[in-house]
Amino acid sequence: MTQPDLDFYSRQTAIVARGLLGKKLVRLYDDGSGKPKRLSGIINETEAYGSKNDPAS
């Protein structure tokens, strides 16, 4: 499992959004038990905003 580098996110917003589809998102966290927990899922939907004229961005 590799993390996308900064160049991945330096592209146009819509291209990055498409590129994220199917990727696994993983979060490691401590729930206080002393043993790290892992939460993960597959990205199956994205939305792309980013225009200066887009009120939703």
N, C-alpha and C. Protein backbone atom coordinates (compact mmCIF):
# COMPACT_ATOMS: atom_id res chain seq x y z
N MET A 1 0.85 -1.16 0.00
CA MET A 1 0.00 0.00 0.00
C MET A 1 0.91 1.23 0.00
N THR A 2 0.75 2.07 -1.01
CA THR A 2 1.57 3.28 -1.09
C THR A 2 0.68 4.52 -1.02
N GLN A 3 1.24 5.55 -0.47
CA GLN A 3 0.55 6.83 -0.34
C GLN A 3 0.81 7.67 -1.58
N PRO A 4 -0.20 8.33 -2.14
CA PRO A 4 0.06 9.23 -3.27
C PRO A 4 0.99 10.35 -2.85
N ASP A 5 1.90 10.73 -3.74
CA ASP A 5 2.80 11.84 -3.43
C ASP A 5 2.13 13.17 -3.76
N LEU A 6 2.80 14.26 -3.48
CA LEU A 6 2.21 15.58 -3.70
C LEU A 6 1.90 15.85 -5.16
N ASP A 7 2.65 15.26 -6.09
CA ASP A 7 2.37 15.45 -7.51
C ASP A 7 0.98 14.93 -7.89
N PHE A 8 0.54 13.88 -7.22
CA PHE A 8 -0.80 13.33 -7.47
C PHE A 8 -1.86 14.41 -7.25
N TYR A 9 -1.70 15.19 -6.18
CA TYR A 9 -2.68 16.21 -5.82
C TYR A 9 -2.47 17.54 -6.52
N SER A 10 -1.41 17.67 -7.29
CA SER A 10 -1.10 18.92 -7.98
C SER A 10 -1.79 19.02 -9.34
N ARG A 11 -2.55 18.02 -9.70
CA ARG A 11 -3.24 18.01 -10.99
C ARG A 11 -4.59 18.71 -10.88
N GLN A 12 -5.30 18.80 -12.01
CA GLN A 12 -6.63 19.41 -12.02
C GLN A 12 -7.56 18.63 -11.08
N THR A 13 -8.46 19.36 -10.44
CA THR A 13 -9.33 18.78 -9.42
C THR A 13 -10.11 17.57 -9.92
N ALA A 14 -10.69 17.66 -11.10
CA ALA A 14 -11.49 16.55 -11.63
C ALA A 14 -10.63 15.31 -11.89
N ILE A 15 -9.39 15.51 -12.30
CA ILE A 15 -8.49 14.38 -12.55
C ILE A 15 -8.11 13.71 -11.23
N VAL A 16 -7.84 14.51 -10.21
CA VAL A 16 -7.53 13.95 -8.89
C VAL A 16 -8.73 13.16 -8.36
N ALA A 17 -9.92 13.72 -8.49
CA ALA A 17 -11.14 13.05 -8.02
C ALA A 17 -11.30 11.69 -8.69
N ARG A 18 -11.11 11.62 -9.99
CA ARG A 18 -11.20 10.34 -10.71
C ARG A 18 -10.11 9.38 -10.25
N GLY A 19 -8.92 9.92 -10.01
CA GLY A 19 -7.80 9.09 -9.59
C GLY A 19 -7.97 8.48 -8.20
N LEU A 20 -8.79 9.10 -7.37
CA LEU A 20 -9.04 8.58 -6.02
C LEU A 20 -10.02 7.40 -6.01
N LEU A 21 -10.82 7.28 -7.05
CA LEU A 21 -11.79 6.18 -7.10
C LEU A 21 -11.09 4.83 -7.03
N GLY A 22 -11.58 3.97 -6.16
CA GLY A 22 -11.02 2.64 -6.01
C GLY A 22 -9.83 2.56 -5.06
N LYS A 23 -9.37 3.71 -4.57
CA LYS A 23 -8.23 3.72 -3.64
C LYS A 23 -8.71 3.37 -2.23
N LYS A 24 -7.81 2.78 -1.45
CA LYS A 24 -8.12 2.45 -0.06
C LYS A 24 -7.70 3.62 0.83
N LEU A 25 -8.61 4.02 1.70
CA LEU A 25 -8.35 5.07 2.68
C LEU A 25 -8.20 4.38 4.04
N VAL A 26 -7.07 4.62 4.71
CA VAL A 26 -6.77 3.94 5.98
C VAL A 26 -6.50 4.98 7.06
N ARG A 27 -7.10 4.77 8.21
CA ARG A 27 -6.84 5.62 9.38
C ARG A 27 -6.40 4.72 10.53
N LEU A 28 -5.25 5.03 11.11
CA LEU A 28 -4.78 4.35 12.31
C LEU A 28 -5.03 5.28 13.48
N TYR A 29 -5.61 4.76 14.55
CA TYR A 29 -5.91 5.61 15.70
C TYR A 29 -5.78 4.81 17.00
N ASP A 30 -5.66 5.53 18.09
CA ASP A 30 -5.56 4.93 19.42
C ASP A 30 -6.90 5.11 20.11
N ASP A 31 -7.52 4.01 20.49
CA ASP A 31 -8.81 4.09 21.17
C ASP A 31 -8.67 4.07 22.69
N GLY A 32 -7.43 4.18 23.16
CA GLY A 32 -7.18 4.20 24.60
C GLY A 32 -6.83 2.85 25.18
N SER A 33 -6.90 1.80 24.37
CA SER A 33 -6.60 0.45 24.86
C SER A 33 -5.11 0.15 24.83
N GLY A 34 -4.33 1.04 24.22
CA GLY A 34 -2.89 0.82 24.10
C GLY A 34 -2.51 0.06 22.84
N LYS A 35 -3.51 -0.45 22.13
CA LYS A 35 -3.26 -1.16 20.88
C LYS A 35 -3.85 -0.33 19.73
N PRO A 36 -3.04 0.03 18.72
CA PRO A 36 -3.57 0.84 17.62
C PRO A 36 -4.70 0.14 16.88
N LYS A 37 -5.69 0.90 16.51
CA LYS A 37 -6.82 0.39 15.72
C LYS A 37 -6.69 0.88 14.29
N ARG A 38 -7.24 0.11 13.37
CA ARG A 38 -7.18 0.46 11.95
C ARG A 38 -8.59 0.48 11.40
N LEU A 39 -8.93 1.55 10.72
CA LEU A 39 -10.22 1.72 10.07
C LEU A 39 -9.94 1.97 8.60
N SER A 40 -10.56 1.23 7.70
CA SER A 40 -10.26 1.42 6.28
C SER A 40 -11.51 1.20 5.43
N GLY A 41 -11.46 1.74 4.23
CA GLY A 41 -12.54 1.57 3.27
C GLY A 41 -12.06 1.95 1.88
N ILE A 42 -12.84 1.58 0.89
CA ILE A 42 -12.52 1.87 -0.51
C ILE A 42 -13.33 3.10 -0.94
N ILE A 43 -12.67 4.05 -1.58
CA ILE A 43 -13.35 5.25 -2.08
C ILE A 43 -14.15 4.86 -3.32
N ASN A 44 -15.47 5.04 -3.26
CA ASN A 44 -16.31 4.66 -4.40
C ASN A 44 -17.10 5.84 -4.98
N GLU A 45 -16.90 7.02 -4.40
CA GLU A 45 -17.58 8.21 -4.93
C GLU A 45 -16.75 9.44 -4.57
N THR A 46 -16.62 10.35 -5.51
CA THR A 46 -15.92 11.61 -5.25
C THR A 46 -16.71 12.76 -5.86
N GLU A 47 -16.44 13.95 -5.41
CA GLU A 47 -16.98 15.17 -6.01
C GLU A 47 -15.82 16.12 -6.21
N ALA A 48 -15.85 16.88 -7.27
CA ALA A 48 -14.74 17.79 -7.58
C ALA A 48 -15.24 19.23 -7.62
N TYR A 49 -14.68 20.06 -6.76
CA TYR A 49 -14.95 21.49 -6.72
C TYR A 49 -13.61 22.20 -6.82
N GLY A 50 -13.59 23.43 -7.23
CA GLY A 50 -12.31 24.10 -7.26
C GLY A 50 -12.25 25.37 -8.07
N SER A 51 -13.28 25.67 -8.81
CA SER A 51 -13.27 26.89 -9.59
C SER A 51 -13.47 28.10 -8.69
N LYS A 52 -12.78 29.17 -8.98
CA LYS A 52 -12.95 30.40 -8.20
C LYS A 52 -14.38 30.92 -8.32
N ASN A 53 -15.07 30.57 -9.41
CA ASN A 53 -16.43 31.03 -9.64
C ASN A 53 -17.48 30.04 -9.15
N ASP A 54 -17.06 28.95 -8.52
CA ASP A 54 -17.97 27.92 -8.04
C ASP A 54 -18.32 28.21 -6.58
N PRO A 55 -19.57 28.59 -6.28
CA PRO A 55 -19.92 28.93 -4.91
C PRO A 55 -19.83 27.74 -3.95
N ALA A 56 -19.82 26.52 -4.47
CA ALA A 56 -19.74 25.34 -3.60
C ALA A 56 -18.32 25.02 -3.18
N SER A 57 -17.32 25.66 -3.81
CA SER A 57 -15.94 25.31 -3.47
C SER A 57 -15.37 26.21 -2.40
